[in-house]
């Protein structure tokens, strides 16, 4: 998914699990088993934030 400013958001399935991993253009990551929860995190992730070292939010 790409936002209006060209930011790229990715959601990957972790093989062998029911887990999805979402990655924001800033490098922040989040894992969840529910696709709706993952999209809610992606859409609620702060806009205009600075890029930096990847961090993970646990489900």
N, C-alpha and C. Protein backbone atom coordinates (compact mmCIF):
# COMPACT_ATOMS: atom_id res chain seq x y z
N UNK A 1 0.86 -1.17 0.00
CA UNK A 1 0.00 0.00 0.00
C UNK A 1 0.90 1.22 0.00
N UNK A 2 0.56 2.21 -0.75
CA UNK A 2 1.32 3.44 -0.81
C UNK A 2 0.40 4.61 -0.50
N UNK A 3 0.85 5.48 0.39
CA UNK A 3 0.05 6.64 0.76
C UNK A 3 0.17 7.75 -0.28
N UNK A 4 -0.60 8.84 -0.12
CA UNK A 4 -0.59 9.93 -1.09
C UNK A 4 0.76 10.63 -1.19
N UNK A 5 1.60 10.49 -0.19
CA UNK A 5 2.92 11.13 -0.24
C UNK A 5 4.01 10.15 -0.66
N UNK A 6 3.62 8.96 -1.10
CA UNK A 6 4.59 7.99 -1.59
C UNK A 6 5.16 7.08 -0.52
N UNK A 7 4.67 7.18 0.73
CA UNK A 7 5.13 6.28 1.77
C UNK A 7 4.71 4.86 1.44
N UNK A 8 5.54 3.91 1.77
CA UNK A 8 5.24 2.51 1.46
C UNK A 8 5.00 1.75 2.75
N UNK A 9 3.89 1.04 2.80
CA UNK A 9 3.54 0.18 3.92
C UNK A 9 3.49 -1.25 3.39
N UNK A 10 4.06 -2.19 4.11
CA UNK A 10 4.07 -3.58 3.68
C UNK A 10 3.48 -4.47 4.76
N UNK A 11 2.77 -5.49 4.30
CA UNK A 11 2.29 -6.53 5.19
C UNK A 11 2.74 -7.86 4.61
N UNK A 12 3.49 -8.62 5.41
CA UNK A 12 3.99 -9.92 4.99
C UNK A 12 3.40 -10.99 5.88
N UNK A 13 3.20 -12.16 5.31
CA UNK A 13 2.79 -13.33 6.07
C UNK A 13 4.05 -14.07 6.48
N UNK A 14 4.15 -14.47 7.74
CA UNK A 14 5.31 -15.22 8.22
C UNK A 14 5.03 -16.70 7.99
N UNK A 15 5.70 -17.32 7.03
CA UNK A 15 5.44 -18.72 6.67
C UNK A 15 5.48 -19.65 7.89
N UNK A 16 4.57 -20.61 7.89
CA UNK A 16 4.49 -21.58 8.97
C UNK A 16 3.75 -21.08 10.19
N UNK A 17 3.20 -19.86 10.11
CA UNK A 17 2.45 -19.29 11.24
C UNK A 17 1.16 -18.66 10.72
N UNK A 18 0.35 -18.19 11.63
CA UNK A 18 -0.84 -17.41 11.28
C UNK A 18 -0.56 -15.92 11.51
N UNK A 19 0.70 -15.55 11.53
CA UNK A 19 1.12 -14.20 11.89
C UNK A 19 1.40 -13.35 10.67
N UNK A 20 0.92 -12.11 10.73
CA UNK A 20 1.22 -11.10 9.73
C UNK A 20 2.18 -10.10 10.34
N UNK A 21 3.11 -9.60 9.52
CA UNK A 21 4.05 -8.57 9.99
C UNK A 21 3.88 -7.36 9.09
N UNK A 22 3.55 -6.24 9.69
CA UNK A 22 3.40 -4.99 8.95
C UNK A 22 4.62 -4.12 9.15
N UNK A 23 5.02 -3.43 8.08
CA UNK A 23 6.17 -2.52 8.15
C UNK A 23 5.79 -1.18 7.56
N UNK A 24 6.04 -0.14 8.31
CA UNK A 24 5.81 1.22 7.85
C UNK A 24 7.04 1.70 7.09
N UNK A 25 6.88 2.77 6.32
CA UNK A 25 8.01 3.36 5.60
C UNK A 25 9.10 3.83 6.55
N UNK A 26 8.76 4.09 7.81
CA UNK A 26 9.75 4.57 8.79
C UNK A 26 10.56 3.43 9.38
N UNK A 27 10.17 2.19 9.09
CA UNK A 27 10.89 1.04 9.61
C UNK A 27 10.22 0.39 10.81
N UNK A 28 9.20 1.02 11.36
CA UNK A 28 8.50 0.44 12.51
C UNK A 28 7.72 -0.79 12.08
N UNK A 29 7.68 -1.81 12.93
CA UNK A 29 7.01 -3.07 12.62
C UNK A 29 5.96 -3.40 13.67
N UNK A 30 4.98 -4.19 13.25
CA UNK A 30 3.91 -4.65 14.14
C UNK A 30 3.50 -6.04 13.67
N UNK A 31 3.21 -6.93 14.59
CA UNK A 31 2.74 -8.26 14.23
C UNK A 31 1.34 -8.49 14.78
N UNK A 32 0.55 -9.24 14.03
CA UNK A 32 -0.82 -9.56 14.43
C UNK A 32 -1.29 -10.77 13.65
N UNK A 33 -2.27 -11.46 14.18
CA UNK A 33 -2.87 -12.59 13.47
C UNK A 33 -4.11 -12.18 12.71
N UNK A 34 -4.72 -11.09 13.08
CA UNK A 34 -5.95 -10.61 12.46
C UNK A 34 -5.63 -9.55 11.40
N UNK A 35 -5.99 -9.81 10.14
CA UNK A 35 -5.70 -8.83 9.08
C UNK A 35 -6.33 -7.45 9.35
N UNK A 36 -7.55 -7.44 9.91
CA UNK A 36 -8.19 -6.15 10.20
C UNK A 36 -7.39 -5.37 11.24
N UNK A 37 -6.88 -6.06 12.26
CA UNK A 37 -6.05 -5.40 13.27
C UNK A 37 -4.80 -4.82 12.63
N UNK A 38 -4.21 -5.56 11.70
CA UNK A 38 -3.01 -5.08 11.03
C UNK A 38 -3.28 -3.81 10.24
N UNK A 39 -4.37 -3.80 9.47
CA UNK A 39 -4.69 -2.60 8.69
C UNK A 39 -5.03 -1.42 9.60
N UNK A 40 -5.71 -1.69 10.71
CA UNK A 40 -6.00 -0.61 11.65
C UNK A 40 -4.71 0.01 12.17
N UNK A 41 -3.71 -0.84 12.48
CA UNK A 41 -2.43 -0.32 12.94
C UNK A 41 -1.78 0.53 11.84
N UNK A 42 -1.79 0.00 10.61
CA UNK A 42 -1.18 0.72 9.50
C UNK A 42 -1.83 2.09 9.31
N UNK A 43 -3.15 2.11 9.29
CA UNK A 43 -3.85 3.36 9.04
C UNK A 43 -3.76 4.34 10.21
N UNK A 44 -3.58 3.83 11.42
CA UNK A 44 -3.48 4.69 12.60
C UNK A 44 -2.05 5.13 12.88
N UNK A 45 -1.08 4.51 12.22
CA UNK A 45 0.34 4.85 12.46
C UNK A 45 0.55 6.33 12.17
N UNK A 46 1.29 7.03 13.01
CA UNK A 46 1.44 8.48 12.87
C UNK A 46 1.95 8.92 11.50
N UNK A 47 1.37 9.98 11.01
CA UNK A 47 1.82 10.59 9.75
C UNK A 47 2.87 11.65 10.07
N UNK A 48 3.83 11.81 9.19
CA UNK A 48 4.83 12.85 9.35
C UNK A 48 5.90 12.52 10.37
N UNK A 49 5.96 11.28 10.83
CA UNK A 49 6.96 10.92 11.82
C UNK A 49 8.31 10.74 11.15
N UNK A 50 9.34 10.84 11.93
CA UNK A 50 10.70 10.73 11.41
C UNK A 50 11.06 9.26 11.21
N UNK A 51 11.91 9.02 10.23
CA UNK A 51 12.43 7.67 10.04
C UNK A 51 13.53 7.44 11.05
N UNK A 52 13.78 6.20 11.36
CA UNK A 52 14.79 5.87 12.34
C UNK A 52 14.98 4.38 12.42
N UNK A 53 15.59 3.95 13.48
CA UNK A 53 15.84 2.52 13.67
C UNK A 53 14.51 1.78 13.77
N UNK A 54 14.41 0.62 13.13
CA UNK A 54 13.17 -0.16 13.20
C UNK A 54 12.84 -0.53 14.65
N UNK A 55 11.57 -0.44 14.99
CA UNK A 55 11.08 -0.86 16.30
C UNK A 55 9.91 -1.78 16.06
N UNK A 56 9.62 -2.62 17.03
CA UNK A 56 8.50 -3.55 16.87
C UNK A 56 7.47 -3.31 17.95
N UNK A 57 6.21 -3.29 17.54
CA UNK A 57 5.08 -3.25 18.45
C UNK A 57 4.53 -4.65 18.50
N UNK A 58 4.44 -5.23 19.66
CA UNK A 58 3.92 -6.60 19.79
C UNK A 58 2.42 -6.59 19.71
N UNK A 59 1.89 -7.68 19.19
CA UNK A 59 0.43 -7.83 19.09
C UNK A 59 -0.14 -8.15 20.45
